[in-house]
Amino acid sequence: MSEQKNNNPRQTAVDALINWAKTGWGYYTMRDAVDNYLESCGANRPSIGGEETILAHRKIAANRLAIDCIYALSKDEQSKVDRELEGIAGTLPKHGCGIKR
């Protein structure tokens, strides 16, 4: 990619997903970018619905990323991105891993 890293978490995640799908390289960079986007867009915010609501918000945000990747990917690459995003979105973030009193 010739672009410099920008400050837009969504675009950074899309670029990382496209690069990973096309080259197979940068898996952890892609995961970090997607997780950063999910955090920045508020998908991980606790709410009244509990874990189910957080997972639903994460899936909606991940679907937005998948849609943003469509223009650049083949059908097989898009399927690869869809499967990976489903796995990432279906995993709750680890908040508060410290010692609880």
PDB file of N, CA and C in Angstrom:
ATOM      1  N   MET A   1       0.828  -1.175   0.000  1.00  0.00           N
ATOM      2  CA  MET A   1       0.000   0.000   0.000  1.00  0.00           C
ATOM      3  C   MET A   1       0.877   1.244   0.000  1.00  0.00           C
ATOM      4  N   SER A   2       0.584   2.160  -0.864  1.00  0.00           N
ATOM      5  CA  SER A   2       1.390   3.358  -0.959  1.00  0.00           C
ATOM      6  C   SER A   2       0.894   4.455  -0.028  1.00  0.00           C
ATOM      7  N   GLU A   3      -0.294   4.317   0.505  1.00  0.00           N
ATOM      8  CA  GLU A   3      -0.851   5.330   1.388  1.00  0.00           C
ATOM      9  C   GLU A   3      -0.186   5.292   2.755  1.00  0.00           C
ATOM     10  N   GLN A   4      -0.043   6.470   3.332  1.00  0.00           N
ATOM     11  CA  GLN A   4       0.420   6.554   4.698  1.00  0.00           C
ATOM     12  C   GLN A   4      -0.738   6.191   5.613  1.00  0.00           C
ATOM     13  N   LYS A   5      -0.414   5.706   6.802  1.00  0.00           N
ATOM     14  CA  LYS A   5      -1.438   5.347   7.769  1.00  0.00           C
ATOM     15  C   LYS A   5      -2.203   6.608   8.151  1.00  0.00           C
ATOM     16  N   ASN A   6      -3.525   6.558   8.052  1.00  0.00           N
ATOM     17  CA  ASN A   6      -4.321   7.731   8.380  1.00  0.00           C
ATOM     18  C   ASN A   6      -4.906   7.607   9.783  1.00  0.00           C
ATOM     19  N   ASN A   7      -5.604   8.637  10.196  1.00  0.00           N
ATOM     20  CA  ASN A   7      -6.171   8.666  11.537  1.00  0.00           C
ATOM     21  C   ASN A   7      -7.598   8.164  11.582  1.00  0.00           C
ATOM     22  N   ASN A   8      -8.130   7.676  10.493  1.00  0.00           N
ATOM     23  CA  ASN A   8      -9.494   7.182  10.435  1.00  0.00           C
ATOM     24  C   ASN A   8      -9.479   5.676  10.721  1.00  0.00           C
ATOM     25  N   PRO A   9      -9.958   5.259  11.906  1.00  0.00           N
ATOM     26  CA  PRO A   9      -9.898   3.829  12.251  1.00  0.00           C
ATOM     27  C   PRO A   9     -10.655   2.935  11.272  1.00  0.00           C
ATOM     28  N   ARG A  10     -11.760   3.428  10.728  1.00  0.00           N
ATOM     29  CA  ARG A  10     -12.529   2.615   9.782  1.00  0.00           C
ATOM     30  C   ARG A  10     -11.736   2.375   8.510  1.00  0.00           C
ATOM     31  N   GLN A  11     -11.154   3.436   7.950  1.00  0.00           N
ATOM     32  CA  GLN A  11     -10.384   3.275   6.717  1.00  0.00           C
ATOM     33  C   GLN A  11      -9.133   2.439   6.954  1.00  0.00           C
ATOM     34  N   THR A  12      -8.510   2.612   8.109  1.00  0.00           N
ATOM     35  CA  THR A  12      -7.339   1.807   8.455  1.00  0.00           C
ATOM     36  C   THR A  12      -7.704   0.324   8.506  1.00  0.00           C
ATOM     37  N   ALA A  13      -8.875   0.016   9.100  1.00  0.00           N
ATOM     38  CA  ALA A  13      -9.335  -1.376   9.180  1.00  0.00           C
ATOM     39  C   ALA A  13      -9.648  -1.926   7.792  1.00  0.00           C
ATOM     40  N   VAL A  14     -10.305  -1.130   6.967  1.00  0.00           N
ATOM     41  CA  VAL A  14     -10.633  -1.569   5.603  1.00  0.00           C
ATOM     42  C   VAL A  14      -9.353  -1.846   4.815  1.00  0.00           C
ATOM     43  N   ASP A  15      -8.397  -0.928   4.892  1.00  0.00           N
ATOM     44  CA  ASP A  15      -7.126  -1.116   4.175  1.00  0.00           C
ATOM     45  C   ASP A  15      -6.407  -2.376   4.654  1.00  0.00           C
ATOM     46  N   ALA A  16      -6.407  -2.599   5.973  1.00  0.00           N
ATOM     47  CA  ALA A  16      -5.745  -3.780   6.529  1.00  0.00           C
ATOM     48  C   ALA A  16      -6.451  -5.065   6.095  1.00  0.00           C
ATOM     49  N   LEU A  17      -7.774  -5.048   6.078  1.00  0.00           N
ATOM     50  CA  LEU A  17      -8.535  -6.221   5.631  1.00  0.00           C
ATOM     51  C   LEU A  17      -8.249  -6.542   4.168  1.00  0.00           C
ATOM     52  N   ILE A  18      -8.245  -5.527   3.332  1.00  0.00           N
ATOM     53  CA  ILE A  18      -7.989  -5.729   1.903  1.00  0.00           C
ATOM     54  C   ILE A  18      -6.575  -6.267   1.694  1.00  0.00           C
ATOM     55  N   ASN A  19      -5.599  -5.674   2.372  1.00  0.00           N
ATOM     56  CA  ASN A  19      -4.216  -6.133   2.237  1.00  0.00           C
ATOM     57  C   ASN A  19      -4.085  -7.586   2.680  1.00  0.00           C
ATOM     58  N   TRP A  20      -4.669  -7.925   3.819  1.00  0.00           N
ATOM     59  CA  TRP A  20      -4.597  -9.301   4.330  1.00  0.00           C
ATOM     60  C   TRP A  20      -5.282 -10.282   3.380  1.00  0.00           C
ATOM     61  N   ALA A  21      -6.471  -9.917   2.885  1.00  0.00           N
ATOM     62  CA  ALA A  21      -7.209 -10.822   2.000  1.00  0.00           C
ATOM     63  C   ALA A  21      -6.460 -11.072   0.692  1.00  0.00           C
ATOM     64  N   LYS A  22      -5.801 -10.052   0.183  1.00  0.00           N
ATOM     65  CA  LYS A  22      -5.104 -10.182  -1.092  1.00  0.00           C
ATOM     66  C   LYS A  22      -3.741 -10.853  -0.970  1.00  0.00           C
ATOM     67  N   THR A  23      -3.031 -10.617   0.145  1.00  0.00           N
ATOM     68  CA  THR A  23      -1.656 -11.100   0.249  1.00  0.00           C
ATOM     69  C   THR A  23      -1.476 -12.243   1.247  1.00  0.00           C
ATOM     70  N   GLY A  24      -2.391 -12.337   2.211  1.00  0.00           N
ATOM     71  CA  GLY A  24      -2.227 -13.324   3.269  1.00  0.00           C
ATOM     72  C   GLY A  24      -1.279 -12.855   4.365  1.00  0.00           C
ATOM     73  N   TRP A  25      -0.732 -11.662   4.215  1.00  0.00           N
ATOM     74  CA  TRP A  25       0.214 -11.105   5.182  1.00  0.00           C
ATOM     75  C   TRP A  25      -0.487 -10.070   6.050  1.00  0.00           C
ATOM     76  N   GLY A  26      -0.002  -9.884   7.270  1.00  0.00           N
ATOM     77  CA  GLY A  26      -0.519  -8.834   8.140  1.00  0.00           C
ATOM     78  C   GLY A  26      -1.759  -9.225   8.921  1.00  0.00           C
ATOM     79  N   TYR A  27      -1.861 -10.510   9.270  1.00  0.00           N
ATOM     80  CA  TYR A  27      -3.049 -10.984   9.986  1.00  0.00           C
ATOM     81  C   TYR A  27      -3.254 -10.237  11.308  1.00  0.00           C
ATOM     82  N   TYR A  28      -2.201 -10.145  12.110  1.00  0.00           N
ATOM     83  CA  TYR A  28      -2.357  -9.512  13.425  1.00  0.00           C
ATOM     84  C   TYR A  28      -2.548  -8.001  13.305  1.00  0.00           C
ATOM     85  N   THR A  29      -1.931  -7.402  12.318  1.00  0.00           N
ATOM     86  CA  THR A  29      -2.157  -5.981  12.048  1.00  0.00           C
ATOM     87  C   THR A  29      -3.616  -5.752  11.689  1.00  0.00           C
ATOM     88  N   MET A  30      -4.163  -6.639  10.855  1.00  0.00           N
ATOM     89  CA  MET A  30      -5.560  -6.541  10.452  1.00  0.00           C
ATOM     90  C   MET A  30      -6.472  -6.696  11.662  1.00  0.00           C
ATOM     91  N   ARG A  31      -6.218  -7.705  12.500  1.00  0.00           N
ATOM     92  CA  ARG A  31      -7.048  -7.922  13.703  1.00  0.00           C
ATOM     93  C   ARG A  31      -7.005  -6.714  14.630  1.00  0.00           C
ATOM     94  N   ASP A  32      -5.806  -6.172  14.819  1.00  0.00           N
ATOM     95  CA  ASP A  32      -5.673  -4.986  15.673  1.00  0.00           C
ATOM     96  C   ASP A  32      -6.439  -3.799  15.098  1.00  0.00           C
ATOM     97  N   ALA A  33      -6.363  -3.613  13.787  1.00  0.00           N
ATOM     98  CA  ALA A  33      -7.070  -2.502  13.141  1.00  0.00           C
ATOM     99  C   ALA A  33      -8.585  -2.669  13.273  1.00  0.00           C
ATOM    100  N   VAL A  34      -9.073  -3.894  13.093  1.00  0.00           N
ATOM    101  CA  VAL A  34     -10.512  -4.148  13.232  1.00  0.00           C
ATOM    102  C   VAL A  34     -10.944  -3.939  14.677  1.00  0.00           C
ATOM    103  N   ASP A  35     -10.170  -4.467  15.622  1.00  0.00           N
ATOM    104  CA  ASP A  35     -10.509  -4.271  17.032  1.00  0.00           C
ATOM    105  C   ASP A  35     -10.497  -2.792  17.408  1.00  0.00           C
ATOM    106  N   ASN A  36      -9.529  -2.047  16.894  1.00  0.00           N
ATOM    107  CA  ASN A  36      -9.453  -0.606  17.149  1.00  0.00           C
ATOM    108  C   ASN A  36     -10.696   0.098  16.598  1.00  0.00           C
ATOM    109  N   TYR A  37     -11.103  -0.283  15.385  1.00  0.00           N
ATOM    110  CA  TYR A  37     -12.313   0.310  14.799  1.00  0.00           C
ATOM    111  C   TYR A  37     -13.547  -0.022  15.632  1.00  0.00           C
ATOM    112  N   LEU A  38     -13.689  -1.282  16.051  1.00  0.00           N
ATOM    113  CA  LEU A  38     -14.853  -1.676  16.847  1.00  0.00           C
ATOM    114  C   LEU A  38     -14.910  -0.889  18.153  1.00  0.00           C
ATOM    115  N   GLU A  39     -13.761  -0.654  18.740  1.00  0.00           N
ATOM    116  CA  GLU A  39     -13.703   0.142  19.973  1.00  0.00           C
ATOM    117  C   GLU A  39     -14.045   1.603  19.687  1.00  0.00           C
ATOM    118  N   SER A  40     -13.463   2.164  18.639  1.00  0.00           N
ATOM    119  CA  SER A  40     -13.645   3.586  18.342  1.00  0.00           C
ATOM    120  C   SER A  40     -15.061   3.934  17.914  1.00  0.00           C
ATOM    121  N   CYS A  41     -15.767   2.985  17.307  1.00  0.00           N
ATOM    122  CA  CYS A  41     -17.131   3.281  16.852  1.00  0.00           C
ATOM    123  C   CYS A  41     -18.169   3.017  17.943  1.00  0.00           C
ATOM    124  N   GLY A  42     -17.716   2.535  19.096  1.00  0.00           N
ATOM    125  CA  GLY A  42     -18.630   2.344  20.218  1.00  0.00           C
ATOM    126  C   GLY A  42     -19.308   0.987  20.262  1.00  0.00           C
ATOM    127  N   ALA A  43     -18.878   0.065  19.434  1.00  0.00           N
ATOM    128  CA  ALA A  43     -19.514  -1.250  19.395  1.00  0.00           C
ATOM    129  C   ALA A  43     -19.287  -2.046  20.676  1.00  0.00           C
ATOM    130  N   ASN A  44     -18.268  -1.688  21.441  1.00  0.00           N
ATOM    131  CA  ASN A  44     -17.947  -2.432  22.663  1.00  0.00           C
ATOM    132  C   ASN A  44     -18.544  -1.810  23.922  1.00  0.00           C
ATOM    133  N   ARG A  45     -19.275  -0.711  23.761  1.00  0.00           N
ATOM    134  CA  ARG A  45     -19.832  -0.033  24.928  1.00  0.00           C
ATOM    135  C   ARG A  45     -20.874  -0.890  25.624  1.00  0.00           C
ATOM    136  N   PRO A  46     -20.745  -1.059  26.928  1.00  0.00           N
ATOM    137  CA  PRO A  46     -21.762  -1.823  27.663  1.00  0.00           C
ATOM    138  C   PRO A  46     -23.102  -1.090  27.621  1.00  0.00           C
ATOM    139  N   SER A  47     -24.151  -1.863  27.590  1.00  0.00           N
ATOM    140  CA  SER A  47     -25.485  -1.258  27.565  1.00  0.00           C
ATOM    141  C   SER A  47     -26.468  -2.169  28.292  1.00  0.00           C
ATOM    142  N   ILE A  48     -27.718  -1.773  28.286  1.00  0.00           N
ATOM    143  CA  ILE A  48     -28.760  -2.486  29.011  1.00  0.00           C
ATOM    144  C   ILE A  48     -28.890  -3.933  28.544  1.00  0.00           C
ATOM    145  N   GLY A  49     -28.681  -4.191  27.271  1.00  0.00           N
ATOM    146  CA  GLY A  49     -28.860  -5.531  26.729  1.00  0.00           C
ATOM    147  C   GLY A  49     -27.760  -6.517  27.074  1.00  0.00           C
ATOM    148  N   GLY A  50     -26.694  -6.048  27.707  1.00  0.00           N
ATOM    149  CA  GLY A  50     -25.608  -6.936  28.104  1.00  0.00           C
ATOM    150  C   GLY A  50     -24.784  -7.437  26.935  1.00  0.00           C
ATOM    151  N   GLU A  51     -24.253  -8.646  27.096  1.00  0.00           N
ATOM    152  CA  GLU A  51     -23.339  -9.226  26.108  1.00  0.00           C
ATOM    153  C   GLU A  51     -23.979  -9.384  24.736  1.00  0.00           C
ATOM    154  N   GLU A  52     -25.259  -9.745  24.701  1.00  0.00           N
ATOM    155  CA  GLU A  52     -25.924  -9.931  23.405  1.00  0.00           C
ATOM    156  C   GLU A  52     -25.947  -8.635  22.603  1.00  0.00           C
ATOM    157  N   THR A  53     -26.160  -7.510  23.290  1.00  0.00           N
ATOM    158  CA  THR A  53     -26.196  -6.222  22.607  1.00  0.00           C
ATOM    159  C   THR A  53     -24.810  -5.845  22.103  1.00  0.00           C
ATOM    160  N   ILE A  54     -23.793  -6.081  22.912  1.00  0.00           N
ATOM    161  CA  ILE A  54     -22.424  -5.790  22.478  1.00  0.00           C
ATOM    162  C   ILE A  54     -22.079  -6.618  21.247  1.00  0.00           C
ATOM    163  N   LEU A  55     -22.404  -7.904  21.276  1.00  0.00           N
ATOM    164  CA  LEU A  55     -22.123  -8.768  20.119  1.00  0.00           C
ATOM    165  C   LEU A  55     -22.883  -8.296  18.885  1.00  0.00           C
ATOM    166  N   ALA A  56     -24.135  -7.882  19.060  1.00  0.00           N
ATOM    167  CA  ALA A  56     -24.924  -7.381  17.927  1.00  0.00           C
ATOM    168  C   ALA A  56     -24.293  -6.122  17.345  1.00  0.00           C
ATOM    169  N   HIS A  57     -23.855  -5.202  18.196  1.00  0.00           N
ATOM    170  CA  HIS A  57     -23.205  -3.980  17.714  1.00  0.00           C
ATOM    171  C   HIS A  57     -21.899  -4.290  17.002  1.00  0.00           C
ATOM    172  N   ARG A  58     -21.140  -5.252  17.530  1.00  0.00           N
ATOM    173  CA  ARG A  58     -19.886  -5.649  16.889  1.00  0.00           C
ATOM    174  C   ARG A  58     -20.152  -6.256  15.508  1.00  0.00           C
ATOM    175  N   LYS A  59     -21.199  -7.056  15.385  1.00  0.00           N
ATOM    176  CA  LYS A  59     -21.520  -7.674  14.084  1.00  0.00           C
ATOM    177  C   LYS A  59     -21.968  -6.627  13.073  1.00  0.00           C
ATOM    178  N   ILE A  60     -22.753  -5.649  13.517  1.00  0.00           N
ATOM    179  CA  ILE A  60     -23.188  -4.575  12.618  1.00  0.00           C
ATOM    180  C   ILE A  60     -21.984  -3.786  12.115  1.00  0.00           C
ATOM    181  N   ALA A  61     -21.092  -3.421  13.034  1.00  0.00           N
ATOM    182  CA  ALA A  61     -19.889  -2.665  12.646  1.00  0.00           C
ATOM    183  C   ALA A  61     -19.001  -3.491  11.719  1.00  0.00           C
ATOM    184  N   ALA A  62     -18.864  -4.778  11.984  1.00  0.00           N
ATOM    185  CA  ALA A  62     -18.049  -5.652  11.131  1.00  0.00           C
ATOM    186  C   ALA A  62     -18.664  -5.773   9.737  1.00  0.00           C
ATOM    187  N   ASN A  63     -19.981  -5.821   9.662  1.00  0.00           N
ATOM    188  CA  ASN A  63     -20.651  -5.874   8.358  1.00  0.00           C
ATOM    189  C   ASN A  63     -20.372  -4.610   7.557  1.00  0.00           C
ATOM    190  N   ARG A  64     -20.297  -3.460   8.250  1.00  0.00           N
ATOM    191  CA  ARG A  64     -19.971  -2.201   7.577  1.00  0.00           C
ATOM    192  C   ARG A  64     -18.575  -2.284   6.952  1.00  0.00           C
ATOM    193  N   LEU A  65     -17.636  -2.865   7.685  1.00  0.00           N
ATOM    194  CA  LEU A  65     -16.283  -3.038   7.147  1.00  0.00           C
ATOM    195  C   LEU A  65     -16.292  -3.960   5.924  1.00  0.00           C
ATOM    196  N   ALA A  66     -17.048  -5.056   6.015  1.00  0.00           N
ATOM    197  CA  ALA A  66     -17.128  -5.999   4.887  1.00  0.00           C
ATOM    198  C   ALA A  66     -17.679  -5.304   3.643  1.00  0.00           C
ATOM    199  N   ILE A  67     -18.696  -4.483   3.842  1.00  0.00           N
ATOM    200  CA  ILE A  67     -19.289  -3.748   2.717  1.00  0.00           C
ATOM    201  C   ILE A  67     -18.254  -2.798   2.112  1.00  0.00           C
ATOM    202  N   ASP A  68     -17.490  -2.143   2.969  1.00  0.00           N
ATOM    203  CA  ASP A  68     -16.476  -1.197   2.487  1.00  0.00           C
ATOM    204  C   ASP A  68     -15.353  -1.877   1.709  1.00  0.00           C
ATOM    205  N   CYS A  69     -15.178  -3.186   1.884  1.00  0.00           N
ATOM    206  CA  CYS A  69     -14.119  -3.928   1.192  1.00  0.00           C
ATOM    207  C   CYS A  69     -14.550  -4.490  -0.157  1.00  0.00           C
ATOM    208  N   ILE A  70     -15.833  -4.547  -0.406  1.00  0.00           N
ATOM    209  CA  ILE A  70     -16.353  -5.244  -1.587  1.00  0.00           C
ATOM    210  C   ILE A  70     -15.708  -4.773  -2.890  1.00  0.00           C
ATOM    211  N   TYR A  71     -15.525  -3.474  -3.052  1.00  0.00           N
ATOM    212  CA  TYR A  71     -15.032  -2.933  -4.318  1.00  0.00           C
ATOM    213  C   TYR A  71     -13.659  -3.479  -4.713  1.00  0.00           C
ATOM    214  N   ALA A  72     -12.850  -3.886  -3.717  1.00  0.00           N
ATOM    215  CA  ALA A  72     -11.456  -4.229  -3.996  1.00  0.00           C
ATOM    216  C   ALA A  72     -11.176  -5.727  -4.009  1.00  0.00           C
ATOM    217  N   LEU A  73     -12.168  -6.544  -3.668  1.00  0.00           N
ATOM    218  CA  LEU A  73     -11.900  -7.964  -3.463  1.00  0.00           C
ATOM    219  C   LEU A  73     -12.641  -8.854  -4.449  1.00  0.00           C
ATOM    220  N   SER A  74     -12.023  -9.993  -4.737  1.00  0.00           N
ATOM    221  CA  SER A  74     -12.696 -11.030  -5.521  1.00  0.00           C
ATOM    222  C   SER A  74     -13.723 -11.719  -4.623  1.00  0.00           C
ATOM    223  N   LYS A  75     -14.512 -12.565  -5.207  1.00  0.00           N
ATOM    224  CA  LYS A  75     -15.526 -13.293  -4.439  1.00  0.00           C
ATOM    225  C   LYS A  75     -14.875 -14.148  -3.344  1.00  0.00           C
ATOM    226  N   ASP A  76     -13.792 -14.840  -3.681  1.00  0.00           N
ATOM    227  CA  ASP A  76     -13.095 -15.684  -2.699  1.00  0.00           C
ATOM    228  C   ASP A  76     -12.476 -14.846  -1.581  1.00  0.00           C
ATOM    229  N   GLU A  77     -11.872 -13.725  -1.948  1.00  0.00           N
ATOM    230  CA  GLU A  77     -11.280 -12.846  -0.941  1.00  0.00           C
ATOM    231  C   GLU A  77     -12.342 -12.267  -0.025  1.00  0.00           C
ATOM    232  N   GLN A  78     -13.493 -11.906  -0.599  1.00  0.00           N
ATOM    233  CA  GLN A  78     -14.589 -11.364   0.213  1.00  0.00           C
ATOM    234  C   GLN A  78     -15.108 -12.424   1.177  1.00  0.00           C
ATOM    235  N   SER A  79     -15.187 -13.667   0.735  1.00  0.00           N
ATOM    236  CA  SER A  79     -15.615 -14.754   1.621  1.00  0.00           C
ATOM    237  C   SER A  79     -14.638 -14.932   2.769  1.00  0.00           C
ATOM    238  N   LYS A  80     -13.346 -14.830   2.471  1.00  0.00           N
ATOM    239  CA  LYS A  80     -12.307 -14.930   3.494  1.00  0.00           C
ATOM    240  C   LYS A  80     -12.475 -13.815   4.527  1.00  0.00           C
ATOM    241  N   VAL A  81     -12.709 -12.589   4.068  1.00  0.00           N
ATOM    242  CA  VAL A  81     -12.914 -11.446   4.961  1.00  0.00           C
ATOM    243  C   VAL A  81     -14.182 -11.652   5.786  1.00  0.00           C
ATOM    244  N   ASP A  82     -15.259 -12.084   5.147  1.00  0.00           N
ATOM    245  CA  ASP A  82     -16.525 -12.307   5.862  1.00  0.00           C
ATOM    246  C   ASP A  82     -16.356 -13.311   6.993  1.00  0.00           C
ATOM    247  N   ARG A  83     -15.679 -14.423   6.709  1.00  0.00           N
ATOM    248  CA  ARG A  83     -15.469 -15.452   7.742  1.00  0.00           C
ATOM    249  C   ARG A  83     -14.635 -14.916   8.904  1.00  0.00           C
ATOM    250  N   GLU A  84     -13.585 -14.192   8.580  1.00  0.00           N
ATOM    251  CA  GLU A  84     -12.720 -13.667   9.634  1.00  0.00           C
ATOM    252  C   GLU A  84     -13.432 -12.605  10.461  1.00  0.00           C
ATOM    253  N   LEU A  85     -14.167 -11.723   9.812  1.00  0.00           N
ATOM    254  CA  LEU A  85     -14.902 -10.694  10.550  1.00  0.00           C
ATOM    255  C   LEU A  85     -15.977 -11.307  11.451  1.00  0.00           C
ATOM    256  N   GLU A  86     -16.596 -12.371  10.978  1.00  0.00           N
ATOM    257  CA  GLU A  86     -17.591 -13.063  11.801  1.00  0.00           C
ATOM    258  C   GLU A  86     -16.953 -13.584  13.082  1.00  0.00           C
ATOM    259  N   GLY A  87     -15.758 -14.141  12.958  1.00  0.00           N
ATOM    260  CA  GLY A  87     -15.047 -14.636  14.133  1.00  0.00           C
ATOM    261  C   GLY A  87     -14.623 -13.520  15.078  1.00  0.00           C
ATOM    262  N   ILE A  88     -14.118 -12.424  14.510  1.00  0.00           N
ATOM    263  CA  ILE A  88     -13.682 -11.297  15.337  1.00  0.00           C
ATOM    264  C   ILE A  88     -14.882 -10.671  16.044  1.00  0.00           C
ATOM    265  N   ALA A  89     -15.954 -10.435  15.308  1.00  0.00           N
ATOM    266  CA  ALA A  89     -17.134  -9.773  15.880  1.00  0.00           C
ATOM    267  C   ALA A  89     -17.838 -10.651  16.905  1.00  0.00           C
ATOM    268  N   GLY A  90     -17.713 -11.960  16.758  1.00  0.00           N
ATOM    269  CA  GLY A  90     -18.394 -12.879  17.663  1.00  0.00           C
ATOM    270  C   GLY A  90     -17.648 -13.136  18.961  1.00  0.00           C
ATOM    271  N   THR A  91     -16.521 -12.458  19.140  1.00  0.00           N
ATOM    272  CA  THR A  91     -15.721 -12.611  20.353  1.00  0.00           C
ATOM    273  C   THR A  91     -15.819 -11.337  21.173  1.00  0.00           C
ATOM    274  N   LEU A  92     -16.239 -11.474  22.415  1.00  0.00           N
ATOM    275  CA  LEU A  92     -16.353 -10.303  23.280  1.00  0.00           C
ATOM    276  C   LEU A  92     -14.961  -9.764  23.602  1.00  0.00           C
ATOM    277  N   PRO A  93     -14.833  -8.433  23.651  1.00  0.00           N
ATOM    278  CA  PRO A  93     -13.537  -7.847  24.035  1.00  0.00           C
ATOM    279  C   PRO A  93     -13.237  -8.136  25.495  1.00  0.00           C
ATOM    280  N   LYS A  94     -11.965  -8.187  25.810  1.00  0.00           N
ATOM    281  CA  LYS A  94     -11.547  -8.438  27.193  1.00  0.00           C
ATOM    282  C   LYS A  94     -11.330  -7.128  27.892  1.00  0.00           C
ATOM    283  N   HIS A  95     -12.360  -6.684  28.627  1.00  0.00           N
ATOM    284  CA  HIS A  95     -12.247  -5.461  29.418  1.00  0.00           C
ATOM    285  C   HIS A  95     -12.042  -5.832  30.873  1.00  0.00           C
ATOM    286  N   GLY A  96     -11.339  -5.012  31.565  1.00  0.00           N
ATOM    287  CA  GLY A  96     -11.179  -5.197  32.999  1.00  0.00           C
ATOM    288  C   GLY A  96     -10.506  -6.492  33.364  1.00  0.00           C
ATOM    289  N   CYS A  97      -9.403  -6.816  32.728  1.00  0.00           N
ATOM    290  CA  CYS A  97      -8.689  -8.050  33.019  1.00  0.00           C
ATOM    291  C   CYS A  97      -7.844  -7.956  34.279  1.00  0.00           C
ATOM    292  N   GLY A  98      -7.842  -6.793  34.910  1.00  0.00           N
ATOM    293  CA  GLY A  98      -7.028  -6.603  36.109  1.00  0.00           C
ATOM    294  C   GLY A  98      -7.628  -7.275  37.319  1.00  0.00           C
ATOM    295  N   ILE A  99      -6.961  -7.084  38.456  1.00  0.00           N
ATOM    296  CA  ILE A  99      -7.422  -7.692  39.710  1.00  0.00           C
ATOM    297  C   ILE A  99      -8.642  -6.953  40.219  1.00  0.00           C
ATOM    298  N   LYS A 100      -9.666  -7.683  40.553  1.00  0.00           N
ATOM    299  CA  LYS A 100     -10.892  -7.070  41.081  1.00  0.00           C
ATOM    300  C   LYS A 100     -10.898  -7.183  42.590  1.00  0.00           C
ATOM    301  N   ARG A 101     -11.400  -6.169  43.217  1.00  0.00           N
ATOM    302  CA  ARG A 101     -11.453  -6.168  44.690  1.00  0.00           C
ATOM    303  C   ARG A 101     -12.843  -6.413  45.180  1.00  0.00           C
TER     304      ARG A 101
END
